[in-house]
PDB file of N, CA and C in Angstrom:
ATOM      1  N   MET A   1       1.137  -1.027   0.169  1.00  0.00           N
ATOM      2  CA  MET A   1       0.135   0.189  -0.203  1.00  0.00           C
ATOM      3  C   MET A   1       0.875   1.501   0.289  1.00  0.00           C
ATOM      4  N   PRO A   2       0.739   1.990  -0.936  1.00  0.00           N
ATOM      5  CA  PRO A   2       1.328   4.009  -0.731  1.00  0.00           C
ATOM      6  C   PRO A   2       1.229   4.070   0.715  1.00  0.00           C
ATOM      7  N   LYS A   3       2.294   4.697   1.072  1.00  0.00           N
ATOM      8  CA  LYS A   3       2.532   5.405   1.939  1.00  0.00           C
ATOM      9  C   LYS A   3       2.490   7.096   2.001  1.00  0.00           C
ATOM     10  N   TYR A   4       1.260   8.000   3.204  1.00  0.00           N
ATOM     11  CA  TYR A   4       0.988   8.692   2.481  1.00  0.00           C
ATOM     12  C   TYR A   4       1.871   9.867   3.930  1.00  0.00           C
ATOM     13  N   PHE A   5       1.724  11.317   3.639  1.00  0.00           N
ATOM     14  CA  PHE A   5       2.280  11.568   5.102  1.00  0.00           C
ATOM     15  C   PHE A   5       0.867  13.458   5.511  1.00  0.00           C
ATOM     16  N   PHE A   6       1.447  13.183   6.525  1.00  0.00           N
ATOM     17  CA  PHE A   6      -0.031  14.545   6.408  1.00  0.00           C
ATOM     18  C   PHE A   6       0.819  15.693   7.069  1.00  0.00           C
ATOM     19  N   ASP A   7       1.451  16.493   6.509  1.00  0.00           N
ATOM     20  CA  ASP A   7       2.003  18.243   7.279  1.00  0.00           C
ATOM     21  C   ASP A   7       0.644  18.838   7.834  1.00  0.00           C
ATOM     22  N   ILE A   8       0.949  19.342   8.671  1.00  0.00           N
ATOM     23  CA  ILE A   8       0.030  20.511   9.516  1.00  0.00           C
ATOM     24  C   ILE A   8       0.959  21.927   8.505  1.00  0.00           C
ATOM     25  N   MET A   9       0.192  23.058   9.016  1.00  0.00           N
ATOM     26  CA  MET A   9       0.357  23.994   8.257  1.00  0.00           C
ATOM     27  C   MET A   9      -0.189  25.398   9.038  1.00  0.00           C
ATOM     28  N   ASP A  10       0.775  25.812   9.838  1.00  0.00           N
ATOM     29  CA  ASP A  10       0.260  26.476  10.750  1.00  0.00           C
ATOM     30  C   ASP A  10       1.118  28.002  10.558  1.00  0.00           C
ATOM     31  N   GLY A  11       1.343  28.277   9.264  1.00  0.00           N
ATOM     32  CA  GLY A  11       1.923  29.059   8.902  1.00  0.00           C
ATOM     33  C   GLY A  11       3.417  28.616   8.577  1.00  0.00           C
ATOM     34  N   VAL A  12       4.203  27.802   9.860  1.00  0.00           N
ATOM     35  CA  VAL A  12       5.666  26.704   9.491  1.00  0.00           C
ATOM     36  C   VAL A  12       5.127  25.062   9.489  1.00  0.00           C
ATOM     37  N   ARG A  13       5.277  24.682   8.023  1.00  0.00           N
ATOM     38  CA  ARG A  13       5.525  23.610   8.375  1.00  0.00           C
ATOM     39  C   ARG A  13       6.146  22.733   8.998  1.00  0.00           C
ATOM     40  N   HIS A  14       4.992  21.681   9.648  1.00  0.00           N
ATOM     41  CA  HIS A  14       5.514  20.455  10.843  1.00  0.00           C
ATOM     42  C   HIS A  14       5.286  19.214   9.600  1.00  0.00           C
ATOM     43  N   GLU A  15       6.697  19.165   9.484  1.00  0.00           N
ATOM     44  CA  GLU A  15       6.392  17.320   8.377  1.00  0.00           C
ATOM     45  C   GLU A  15       5.691  15.871   8.961  1.00  0.00           C
ATOM     46  N   ASP A  16       5.503  15.042   9.140  1.00  0.00           N
ATOM     47  CA  ASP A  16       4.963  14.471   9.430  1.00  0.00           C
ATOM     48  C   ASP A  16       6.307  13.570   8.973  1.00  0.00           C
ATOM     49  N   VAL A  17       7.419  13.062   9.097  1.00  0.00           N
ATOM     50  CA  VAL A  17       8.318  12.180   8.881  1.00  0.00           C
ATOM     51  C   VAL A  17       8.136  10.781   9.180  1.00  0.00           C
ATOM     52  N   ARG A  18       7.146   9.936  10.003  1.00  0.00           N
ATOM     53  CA  ARG A  18       5.784   9.335   9.802  1.00  0.00           C
ATOM     54  C   ARG A  18       5.686   8.277   8.509  1.00  0.00           C
ATOM     55  N   GLY A  19       4.754   8.856   8.250  1.00  0.00           N
ATOM     56  CA  GLY A  19       3.603   8.666   7.635  1.00  0.00           C
ATOM     57  C   GLY A  19       2.145   7.311   8.377  1.00  0.00           C
ATOM     58  N   MET A  20       1.690   7.228   7.573  1.00  0.00           N
ATOM     59  CA  MET A  20       0.514   6.030   7.300  1.00  0.00           C
ATOM     60  C   MET A  20       0.020   5.233   5.913  1.00  0.00           C
ATOM     61  N   GLU A  21      -0.121   3.863   6.217  1.00  0.00           N
ATOM     62  CA  GLU A  21      -0.778   3.404   4.813  1.00  0.00           C
ATOM     63  C   GLU A  21      -2.015   3.571   4.079  1.00  0.00           C
ATOM     64  N   PHE A  22      -2.667   4.332   3.105  1.00  0.00           N
ATOM     65  CA  PHE A  22      -3.550   4.457   2.745  1.00  0.00           C
ATOM     66  C   PHE A  22      -3.227   2.915   1.471  1.00  0.00           C
ATOM     67  N   PRO A  23      -4.562   2.566   0.412  1.00  0.00           N
ATOM     68  CA  PRO A  23      -4.673   2.253  -0.740  1.00  0.00           C
ATOM     69  C   PRO A  23      -4.473   2.707  -1.142  1.00  0.00           C
ATOM     70  N   ASN A  24      -5.479   3.921  -0.677  1.00  0.00           N
ATOM     71  CA  ASN A  24      -5.736   4.984  -2.353  1.00  0.00           C
ATOM     72  C   ASN A  24      -5.577   6.439  -1.755  1.00  0.00           C
ATOM     73  N   ASP A  25      -5.621   7.563  -2.760  1.00  0.00           N
ATOM     74  CA  ASP A  25      -5.907   8.586  -2.666  1.00  0.00           C
ATOM     75  C   ASP A  25      -6.434   8.759  -1.448  1.00  0.00           C
ATOM     76  N   TRP A  26      -7.930   8.617  -2.100  1.00  0.00           N
ATOM     77  CA  TRP A  26      -9.022   9.384  -1.602  1.00  0.00           C
ATOM     78  C   TRP A  26      -9.214   8.601  -0.446  1.00  0.00           C
ATOM     79  N   SER A  27      -8.493   7.954   0.375  1.00  0.00           N
ATOM     80  CA  SER A  27      -8.789   6.968   1.028  1.00  0.00           C
ATOM     81  C   SER A  27      -7.696   8.068   2.554  1.00  0.00           C
ATOM     82  N   ALA A  28      -6.516   9.072   2.067  1.00  0.00           N
ATOM     83  CA  ALA A  28      -5.573   9.332   2.274  1.00  0.00           C
ATOM     84  C   ALA A  28      -6.144  10.530   3.008  1.00  0.00           C
ATOM     85  N   LYS A  29      -7.531  11.448   2.212  1.00  0.00           N
ATOM     86  CA  LYS A  29      -7.840  12.266   2.408  1.00  0.00           C
ATOM     87  C   LYS A  29      -8.733  12.969   3.083  1.00  0.00           C
ATOM     88  N   SER A  30     -10.139  11.314   3.329  1.00  0.00           N
ATOM     89  CA  SER A  30     -10.642  10.885   4.191  1.00  0.00           C
ATOM     90  C   SER A  30     -10.266  11.427   5.437  1.00  0.00           C
ATOM     91  N   HIS A  31      -8.920  10.848   5.734  1.00  0.00           N
ATOM     92  CA  HIS A  31      -8.275  10.056   6.640  1.00  0.00           C
ATOM     93  C   HIS A  31      -7.721  11.659   7.003  1.00  0.00           C
ATOM     94  N   ALA A  32      -6.921  12.923   6.031  1.00  0.00           N
ATOM     95  CA  ALA A  32      -7.051  14.367   7.071  1.00  0.00           C
ATOM     96  C   ALA A  32      -8.188  14.685   7.258  1.00  0.00           C
ATOM     97  N   HIS A  33      -8.995  15.153   6.139  1.00  0.00           N
ATOM     98  CA  HIS A  33     -10.601  15.513   6.084  1.00  0.00           C
ATOM     99  C   HIS A  33     -10.741  15.306   8.520  1.00  0.00           C
ATOM    100  N   ASP A  34     -10.711  14.212   8.105  1.00  0.00           N
ATOM    101  CA  ASP A  34     -11.386  13.379   9.503  1.00  0.00           C
ATOM    102  C   ASP A  34      -9.957  13.723  10.407  1.00  0.00           C
ATOM    103  N   TYR A  35      -8.677  13.834  10.751  1.00  0.00           N
ATOM    104  CA  TYR A  35      -8.137  14.897  11.352  1.00  0.00           C
ATOM    105  C   TYR A  35      -8.689  15.680  11.592  1.00  0.00           C
ATOM    106  N   ALA A  36      -8.365  16.869  10.608  1.00  0.00           N
ATOM    107  CA  ALA A  36      -8.006  18.119  11.004  1.00  0.00           C
ATOM    108  C   ALA A  36     -10.351  18.697  11.776  1.00  0.00           C
ATOM    109  N   GLN A  37     -10.600  17.690  11.161  1.00  0.00           N
ATOM    110  CA  GLN A  37     -12.486  17.890  11.981  1.00  0.00           C
ATOM    111  C   GLN A  37     -12.576  17.853  13.714  1.00  0.00           C
ATOM    112  N   ALA A  38     -11.539  16.811  13.722  1.00  0.00           N
ATOM    113  CA  ALA A  38     -11.322  16.515  15.280  1.00  0.00           C
ATOM    114  C   ALA A  38      -9.932  17.159  15.681  1.00  0.00           C
ATOM    115  N   MET A  39      -9.199  17.817  15.757  1.00  0.00           N
ATOM    116  CA  MET A  39      -8.608  18.926  16.213  1.00  0.00           C
ATOM    117  C   MET A  39      -9.557  19.781  15.952  1.00  0.00           C
ATOM    118  N   VAL A  40     -10.386  20.206  14.938  1.00  0.00           N
ATOM    119  CA  VAL A  40     -11.183  21.627  14.955  1.00  0.00           C
ATOM    120  C   VAL A  40     -11.717  21.261  16.326  1.00  0.00           C
ATOM    121  N   LYS A  41     -12.335  20.426  16.384  1.00  0.00           N
ATOM    122  CA  LYS A  41     -13.591  20.389  18.015  1.00  0.00           C
ATOM    123  C   LYS A  41     -12.782  20.117  18.760  1.00  0.00           C
ATOM    124  N   ARG A  42     -11.208  20.235  18.662  1.00  0.00           N
ATOM    125  CA  ARG A  42     -11.437  19.684  20.337  1.00  0.00           C
ATOM    126  C   ARG A  42     -10.168  21.046  20.401  1.00  0.00           C
ATOM    127  N   SER A  43     -10.418  21.867  20.142  1.00  0.00           N
ATOM    128  CA  SER A  43      -9.330  23.410  20.324  1.00  0.00           C
ATOM    129  C   SER A  43     -10.637  24.299  20.832  1.00  0.00           C
ATOM    130  N   LEU A  44     -11.486  24.004  21.211  1.00  0.00           N
ATOM    131  CA  LEU A  44     -12.709  24.518  20.932  1.00  0.00           C
ATOM    132  C   LEU A  44     -12.245  25.833  21.998  1.00  0.00           C
ATOM    133  N   HIS A  45     -11.155  25.584  22.593  1.00  0.00           N
ATOM    134  CA  HIS A  45     -10.435  27.066  24.349  1.00  0.00           C
ATOM    135  C   HIS A  45      -8.939  27.014  23.835  1.00  0.00           C
ATOM    136  N   GLY A  46      -8.852  26.314  23.058  1.00  0.00           N
ATOM    137  CA  GLY A  46      -7.170  26.478  22.188  1.00  0.00           C
ATOM    138  C   GLY A  46      -7.141  27.411  21.141  1.00  0.00           C
ATOM    139  N   PRO A  47      -5.934  27.672  20.503  1.00  0.00           N
ATOM    140  CA  PRO A  47      -5.792  29.143  18.809  1.00  0.00           C
ATOM    141  C   PRO A  47      -6.887  28.572  17.755  1.00  0.00           C
ATOM    142  N   ASN A  48      -7.060  29.797  17.612  1.00  0.00           N
ATOM    143  CA  ASN A  48      -7.841  29.077  16.194  1.00  0.00           C
ATOM    144  C   ASN A  48      -6.862  28.913  14.853  1.00  0.00           C
ATOM    145  N   LEU A  49      -7.575  27.921  14.766  1.00  0.00           N
ATOM    146  CA  LEU A  49      -7.314  26.633  13.812  1.00  0.00           C
ATOM    147  C   LEU A  49      -7.606  27.496  12.216  1.00  0.00           C
ATOM    148  N   ALA A  50      -8.227  28.204  12.501  1.00  0.00           N
ATOM    149  CA  ALA A  50      -8.503  28.605  10.713  1.00  0.00           C
ATOM    150  C   ALA A  50      -8.075  28.553   9.805  1.00  0.00           C
ATOM    151  N   GLU A  51      -6.564  28.748   9.773  1.00  0.00           N
ATOM    152  CA  GLU A  51      -5.979  29.365   8.798  1.00  0.00           C
ATOM    153  C   GLU A  51      -4.755  28.095   8.728  1.00  0.00           C
ATOM    154  N   TRP A  52      -4.512  27.405   9.381  1.00  0.00           N
ATOM    155  CA  TRP A  52      -4.130  25.748   9.592  1.00  0.00           C
ATOM    156  C   TRP A  52      -4.547  24.340   8.562  1.00  0.00           C
ATOM    157  N   GLU A  53      -4.557  23.648   7.865  1.00  0.00           N
ATOM    158  CA  GLU A  53      -4.268  23.339   6.441  1.00  0.00           C
ATOM    159  C   GLU A  53      -3.049  21.911   6.728  1.00  0.00           C
ATOM    160  N   VAL A  54      -3.641  20.492   6.704  1.00  0.00           N
ATOM    161  CA  VAL A  54      -3.052  19.223   6.886  1.00  0.00           C
ATOM    162  C   VAL A  54      -2.213  19.194   4.967  1.00  0.00           C
ATOM    163  N   VAL A  55      -1.674  18.562   4.191  1.00  0.00           N
ATOM    164  CA  VAL A  55      -0.601  18.973   3.469  1.00  0.00           C
ATOM    165  C   VAL A  55      -1.076  17.700   3.382  1.00  0.00           C
ATOM    166  N   VAL A  56      -1.485  16.759   2.039  1.00  0.00           N
ATOM    167  CA  VAL A  56      -0.792  15.610   2.185  1.00  0.00           C
ATOM    168  C   VAL A  56      -0.495  15.284   1.050  1.00  0.00           C
ATOM    169  N   ARG A  57       0.519  14.147   1.274  1.00  0.00           N
ATOM    170  CA  ARG A  57       1.963  13.915   0.317  1.00  0.00           C
ATOM    171  C   ARG A  57       2.174  12.431   0.026  1.00  0.00           C
ATOM    172  N   ASP A  58       2.231  12.193  -1.044  1.00  0.00           N
ATOM    173  CA  ASP A  58       2.582  10.744  -0.852  1.00  0.00           C
ATOM    174  C   ASP A  58       4.066  10.961  -0.938  1.00  0.00           C
ATOM    175  N   THR A  59       5.081   9.753  -1.155  1.00  0.00           N
ATOM    176  CA  THR A  59       6.402   9.349  -1.231  1.00  0.00           C
ATOM    177  C   THR A  59       6.678  10.686  -2.674  1.00  0.00           C
ATOM    178  N   GLU A  60       5.994  11.203  -3.554  1.00  0.00           N
ATOM    179  CA  GLU A  60       6.758  11.925  -4.832  1.00  0.00           C
ATOM    180  C   GLU A  60       6.190  13.069  -5.015  1.00  0.00           C
ATOM    181  N   HIS A  61       4.631  13.427  -4.328  1.00  0.00           N
ATOM    182  CA  HIS A  61       4.369  14.669  -4.365  1.00  0.00           C
ATOM    183  C   HIS A  61       2.903  15.215  -3.507  1.00  0.00           C
ATOM    184  N   GLU A  62       2.795  16.090  -3.928  1.00  0.00           N
ATOM    185  CA  GLU A  62       1.983  16.518  -2.832  1.00  0.00           C
ATOM    186  C   GLU A  62       1.190  16.563  -3.317  1.00  0.00           C
ATOM    187  N   VAL A  63       0.019  15.834  -2.700  1.00  0.00           N
ATOM    188  CA  VAL A  63      -1.880  15.287  -3.670  1.00  0.00           C
ATOM    189  C   VAL A  63      -2.735  16.056  -2.777  1.00  0.00           C
ATOM    190  N   THR A  64      -3.207  16.815  -2.050  1.00  0.00           N
ATOM    191  CA  THR A  64      -4.460  17.390  -1.638  1.00  0.00           C
ATOM    192  C   THR A  64      -4.189  18.332  -0.619  1.00  0.00           C
ATOM    193  N   ARG A  65      -4.507  19.752  -0.265  1.00  0.00           N
ATOM    194  CA  ARG A  65      -4.284  20.149   1.530  1.00  0.00           C
ATOM    195  C   ARG A  65      -5.759  19.955   1.536  1.00  0.00           C
ATOM    196  N   VAL A  66      -6.322  20.275   2.633  1.00  0.00           N
ATOM    197  CA  VAL A  66      -7.146  20.067   3.820  1.00  0.00           C
ATOM    198  C   VAL A  66      -7.012  21.667   4.738  1.00  0.00           C
ATOM    199  N   LYS A  67      -8.146  22.234   4.398  1.00  0.00           N
ATOM    200  CA  LYS A  67      -7.868  23.683   5.619  1.00  0.00           C
ATOM    201  C   LYS A  67      -8.900  22.720   6.717  1.00  0.00           C
ATOM    202  N   PHE A  68      -8.375  23.237   7.762  1.00  0.00           N
ATOM    203  CA  PHE A  68      -8.736  23.104   9.778  1.00  0.00           C
ATOM    204  C   PHE A  68     -10.434  23.790   9.797  1.00  0.00           C
ATOM    205  N   SER A  69     -10.793  25.256   8.643  1.00  0.00           N
ATOM    206  CA  SER A  69     -11.848  25.213   8.293  1.00  0.00           C
ATOM    207  C   SER A  69     -12.870  24.931   7.970  1.00  0.00           C
ATOM    208  N   ASP A  70     -12.565  24.540   6.806  1.00  0.00           N
ATOM    209  CA  ASP A  70     -13.237  23.361   5.137  1.00  0.00           C
ATOM    210  C   ASP A  70     -13.249  22.330   5.869  1.00  0.00           C
ATOM    211  N   ALA A  71     -13.186  21.391   7.333  1.00  0.00           N
ATOM    212  CA  ALA A  71     -13.455  20.570   7.827  1.00  0.00           C
ATOM    213  C   ALA A  71     -14.374  21.384   9.323  1.00  0.00           C
ATOM    214  N   ASP A  72     -14.361  22.108   9.846  1.00  0.00           N
ATOM    215  CA  ASP A  72     -15.573  21.954  10.472  1.00  0.00           C
ATOM    216  C   ASP A  72     -16.810  22.721   9.931  1.00  0.00           C
ATOM    217  N   GLU A  73     -17.580  21.112   8.581  1.00  0.00           N
ATOM    218  CA  GLU A  73     -18.728  21.430   8.418  1.00  0.00           C
ATOM    219  C   GLU A  73     -19.595  20.261   9.118  1.00  0.00           C
TER     220      GLU A  73
END
């Protein structure tokens, strides 16, 4: 299975060095959305995450970006 990495962007890129295996891009995108949504729910009294995003990449290229503000739906 392909390995995907989920970098967090909060003005600075925090690279995921471990990654996770998913069967395809769609599954990795879905995971990124769920992760961002969970972070938004947990941060009700924490930092404003509206501008943060998850950058999904595989070993060769960037697959997609998920803004935390879009995941709060």
